[in-house]
Amino acid sequence: MRESTPFRWVRPCCLWLALSLLLLVRPAIADIYMYVDRNGVMHFTNAPTSSDYKVYIRERPKRKGTGMDSNRFDRFIDEAATLHGLDFPLLKAVIRAESAFDPKAVSKKGAMGLMQIMPENLDAFRVYDPFDPWQNIMGGARYLKSLLQRFDGQVPLALAAYNAGPQRVDAYQGIPPIRETEEYVKKVMKFFQLYKNG
C-alpha cells in the first residue's frame, strides 16, 4: 500500500506554474523613443527616463531565421563611398560590423542606425534622423573619412578610432589594448577582405 502525502498536489502545481510563465515570456523588443528639447535638439533612447519621450519606432519581434539583406543599402553605400573617397568594401564592412545592416539598431550606449552614430555626434555628422539609412551612411562615411585622414590612411587605426574614439588611439599611438576594439578591428578587416574579394 502506497503512503499518501499531504503535498501530492505540489508537483502538478509547480509544473502548471512553470508552463504558465513560459507562455508569458516574449522575445525582447526594443522600442525607440524620441523627444525634442527647447533648443530643437532631438534625443533618442531605448530606455526613456521621462514622460517627455514618445515612441518614435515601435520595434516588432524578428522572425527566427530572417536576417537583414546585406545588399539592400548598396546604392547608398556606393554614393557615400564615391562622395567621400572611401573604398566601397570598407564602408560596407563597417556597416556590417556595426549594425548587421539593421537601420533601426540601437546599442546599449545609445549609438543608432546602420553606422551606430552616437547622439552627441549627430549634428557634427549632419545627421538629423539617425534611422534614415541614407543620412546615417552619409554621416558615418564623413566621420570614417576624417579618421582615415587623421591617421594617414592607416585603416586599422581609423577603425580603432571609430570604435574607441580617436583620443584613445592617439594616447596609445596605435590600437588601444581594449578587447572590444581589438576584436572590432579584426572583424571589420575580415569583412573588408571578404567584400574586396567577393
Protein backbone atom coordinates (compact mmCIF):
# COMPACT_ATOMS: atom_id res chain seq x y z
CA MET A 1 0.00 0.00 0.00
CA ARG A 2 1.34 3.44 -1.03
CA GLU A 3 1.65 6.04 1.67
CA SER A 4 -0.30 9.20 0.87
CA THR A 5 1.38 12.54 1.38
CA PRO A 6 -0.41 15.74 2.18
CA PHE A 7 1.61 17.60 -0.52
CA ARG A 8 0.85 15.44 -3.58
CA TRP A 9 -0.63 18.49 -5.31
CA VAL A 10 2.65 20.48 -5.11
CA ARG A 11 4.36 18.86 -8.13
CA PRO A 12 1.42 19.39 -10.57
CA CYS A 13 1.00 22.98 -9.36
CA CYS A 14 4.70 23.73 -9.90
CA LEU A 15 4.53 22.26 -13.38
CA TRP A 16 1.43 24.33 -14.20
CA LEU A 17 3.10 27.49 -12.87
CA ALA A 18 6.28 26.87 -14.91
CA LEU A 19 4.27 26.31 -18.11
CA SER A 20 2.22 29.45 -17.48
CA LEU A 21 5.36 31.53 -17.05
CA LEU A 22 6.86 30.13 -20.26
CA LEU A 23 3.77 31.19 -22.18
CA LEU A 24 4.12 34.73 -20.86
CA VAL A 25 7.76 35.07 -21.95
CA ARG A 26 8.09 37.03 -25.20
CA PRO A 27 11.10 37.92 -27.27
CA ALA A 28 12.79 41.16 -26.16
CA ILE A 29 11.56 44.12 -28.14
CA ALA A 30 13.41 47.44 -28.17
CA ASP A 31 11.15 50.37 -28.96
CA ILE A 32 12.94 53.63 -29.72
CA TYR A 33 11.74 56.82 -28.05
CA MET A 34 12.40 60.43 -29.00
CA TYR A 35 11.79 63.92 -27.71
CA VAL A 36 12.77 67.37 -28.91
CA ASP A 37 14.11 69.73 -26.24
CA ARG A 38 13.68 73.54 -26.02
CA ASN A 39 16.63 74.09 -28.34
CA GLY A 40 15.19 71.83 -31.02
CA VAL A 41 17.69 69.03 -30.32
CA MET A 42 16.30 65.55 -30.91
CA HIS A 43 17.05 62.98 -28.19
CA PHE A 44 16.72 59.23 -28.83
CA THR A 45 16.77 56.31 -26.42
CA ASN A 46 15.52 52.78 -25.97
CA ALA A 47 15.11 53.39 -22.21
CA PRO A 48 13.13 56.63 -21.66
CA THR A 49 13.86 58.46 -18.41
CA SER A 50 10.93 60.87 -18.52
CA SER A 51 7.42 61.23 -19.89
CA ASP A 52 8.74 63.74 -22.45
CA TYR A 53 9.85 60.79 -24.60
CA LYS A 54 7.33 59.48 -27.13
CA VAL A 55 7.55 56.27 -29.15
CA TYR A 56 9.45 57.04 -32.36
CA ILE A 57 9.78 53.50 -33.71
CA ARG A 58 7.80 50.56 -32.42
CA GLU A 59 10.01 47.53 -32.89
CA ARG A 60 8.44 44.27 -33.98
CA PRO A 61 9.98 40.98 -32.94
CA LYS A 62 12.05 39.47 -35.73
CA ARG A 63 11.02 36.10 -37.02
CA LYS A 64 13.50 33.37 -36.39
CA GLY A 65 15.75 32.77 -39.34
CA THR A 66 15.26 36.14 -41.03
CA GLY A 67 18.29 38.32 -41.46
CA MET A 68 18.95 41.72 -42.94
CA ASP A 69 19.60 41.87 -46.69
CA SER A 70 23.28 42.77 -46.99
CA ASN A 71 22.81 44.32 -50.46
CA ARG A 72 19.79 46.43 -49.57
CA PHE A 73 21.82 49.62 -48.98
CA ASP A 74 24.50 49.16 -51.66
CA ARG A 75 23.25 52.17 -53.65
CA PHE A 76 23.64 54.46 -50.60
CA ILE A 77 26.98 52.89 -49.66
CA ASP A 78 28.28 53.41 -53.21
CA GLU A 79 27.09 57.04 -53.24
CA ALA A 80 28.72 57.78 -49.85
CA ALA A 81 31.95 55.97 -50.78
CA THR A 82 32.22 57.90 -54.05
CA LEU A 83 31.40 61.26 -52.43
CA HIS A 84 33.88 60.83 -49.57
CA GLY A 85 36.62 58.94 -51.45
CA LEU A 86 36.25 55.70 -49.50
CA ASP A 87 36.52 52.08 -50.56
CA PHE A 88 33.03 50.65 -51.03
CA PRO A 89 34.08 47.31 -49.42
CA LEU A 90 35.47 49.12 -46.35
CA LEU A 91 32.34 51.19 -45.80
CA LYS A 92 30.12 48.14 -46.22
CA ALA A 93 32.33 46.16 -43.80
CA VAL A 94 31.95 48.86 -41.12
CA ILE A 95 28.16 48.82 -41.53
CA ARG A 96 28.07 45.04 -41.25
CA ALA A 97 30.19 45.07 -38.07
CA GLU A 98 28.29 47.99 -36.53
CA SER A 99 24.66 47.03 -37.14
CA ALA A 100 24.48 43.89 -39.30
CA PHE A 101 22.59 46.08 -41.81
CA ASP A 102 19.79 46.88 -39.33
CA PRO A 103 18.83 50.54 -39.89
CA LYS A 104 16.94 50.61 -36.56
CA ALA A 105 19.79 49.22 -34.45
CA VAL A 106 20.37 50.93 -31.09
CA SER A 107 23.32 49.93 -28.92
CA LYS A 108 23.38 49.79 -25.11
CA LYS A 109 25.38 53.03 -25.19
CA GLY A 110 22.79 54.74 -27.40
CA ALA A 111 24.56 54.57 -30.78
CA MET A 112 21.97 54.50 -33.56
CA GLY A 113 21.37 53.27 -37.06
CA LEU A 114 23.43 51.45 -39.65
CA MET A 115 26.74 53.05 -38.69
CA GLN A 116 25.90 53.34 -34.97
CA ILE A 117 26.25 57.10 -34.60
CA MET A 118 26.20 58.46 -31.04
CA PRO A 119 23.55 61.11 -30.27
CA GLU A 120 26.17 63.75 -29.42
CA ASN A 121 27.70 63.38 -32.91
CA LEU A 122 24.51 63.72 -34.97
CA ASP A 123 24.89 67.46 -35.67
CA ALA A 124 28.61 67.21 -36.44
CA PHE A 125 27.93 64.46 -38.99
CA ARG A 126 24.87 66.31 -40.39
CA VAL A 127 22.51 63.50 -39.43
CA TYR A 128 19.03 64.71 -38.48
CA ASP A 129 17.32 61.32 -38.49
CA PRO A 130 19.75 58.59 -37.41
CA PHE A 131 17.32 55.89 -38.55
CA ASP A 132 17.23 57.17 -42.12
CA PRO A 133 19.67 54.84 -43.92
CA TRP A 134 20.93 57.46 -46.40
CA GLN A 135 21.60 60.11 -43.73
CA ASN A 136 23.24 57.60 -41.39
CA ILE A 137 25.54 56.18 -44.07
CA MET A 138 26.50 59.67 -45.28
CA GLY A 139 27.24 60.82 -41.72
CA GLY A 140 29.19 57.69 -40.83
CA ALA A 141 31.16 57.86 -44.10
CA ARG A 142 32.03 61.52 -43.42
CA TYR A 143 33.35 60.53 -39.98
CA LEU A 144 35.26 57.49 -41.26
CA LYS A 145 36.93 59.64 -43.95
CA SER A 146 38.01 62.18 -41.32
CA LEU A 147 39.54 59.37 -39.23
CA LEU A 148 41.41 57.97 -42.23
CA GLN A 149 42.82 61.45 -42.91
CA ARG A 150 43.77 61.89 -39.25
CA PHE A 151 45.60 58.55 -39.15
CA ASP A 152 47.34 58.91 -42.55
CA GLY A 153 45.18 56.34 -44.32
CA GLN A 154 46.01 53.56 -41.85
CA VAL A 155 42.76 51.59 -41.95
CA PRO A 156 43.24 49.61 -38.70
CA LEU A 157 43.90 52.83 -36.73
CA ALA A 158 40.90 54.58 -38.30
CA LEU A 159 38.72 51.58 -37.40
CA ALA A 160 40.03 51.54 -33.83
CA ALA A 161 39.22 55.25 -33.59
CA TYR A 162 35.72 54.65 -34.99
CA ASN A 163 35.14 52.13 -32.20
CA ALA A 164 37.03 53.56 -29.21
CA GLY A 165 37.46 57.22 -30.15
CA PRO A 166 40.42 58.99 -31.77
CA GLN A 167 41.75 60.25 -28.42
CA ARG A 168 42.39 56.69 -27.26
CA VAL A 169 44.22 55.83 -30.48
CA ASP A 170 46.33 58.99 -30.04
CA ALA A 171 47.04 58.13 -26.40
CA TYR A 172 48.26 54.62 -27.23
CA GLN A 173 49.82 55.64 -30.56
CA GLY A 174 48.15 52.58 -32.02
CA ILE A 175 45.18 50.29 -31.49
CA PRO A 176 44.19 50.62 -27.81
CA PRO A 177 44.57 47.40 -25.80
CA ILE A 178 40.82 47.16 -25.33
CA ARG A 179 39.46 43.73 -26.16
CA GLU A 180 36.27 45.05 -27.77
CA THR A 181 38.27 47.39 -30.00
CA GLU A 182 40.83 44.75 -30.97
CA GLU A 183 38.02 42.33 -31.88
CA TYR A 184 36.17 45.07 -33.76
CA VAL A 185 39.20 45.90 -35.93
CA LYS A 186 39.74 42.20 -36.73
CA LYS A 187 36.06 41.73 -37.59
CA VAL A 188 35.89 44.75 -39.91
CA MET A 189 39.15 43.80 -41.63
CA LYS A 190 37.79 40.28 -42.20
CA PHE A 191 34.57 41.68 -43.73
CA PHE A 192 36.63 44.20 -45.75
CA GLN A 193 38.68 41.39 -47.33
CA LEU A 194 35.52 39.36 -47.92
CA TYR A 195 33.80 42.21 -49.81
CA LYS A 196 37.02 43.15 -51.62
CA ASN A 197 37.47 39.62 -52.94
CA GLY A 198 33.78 38.89 -53.47
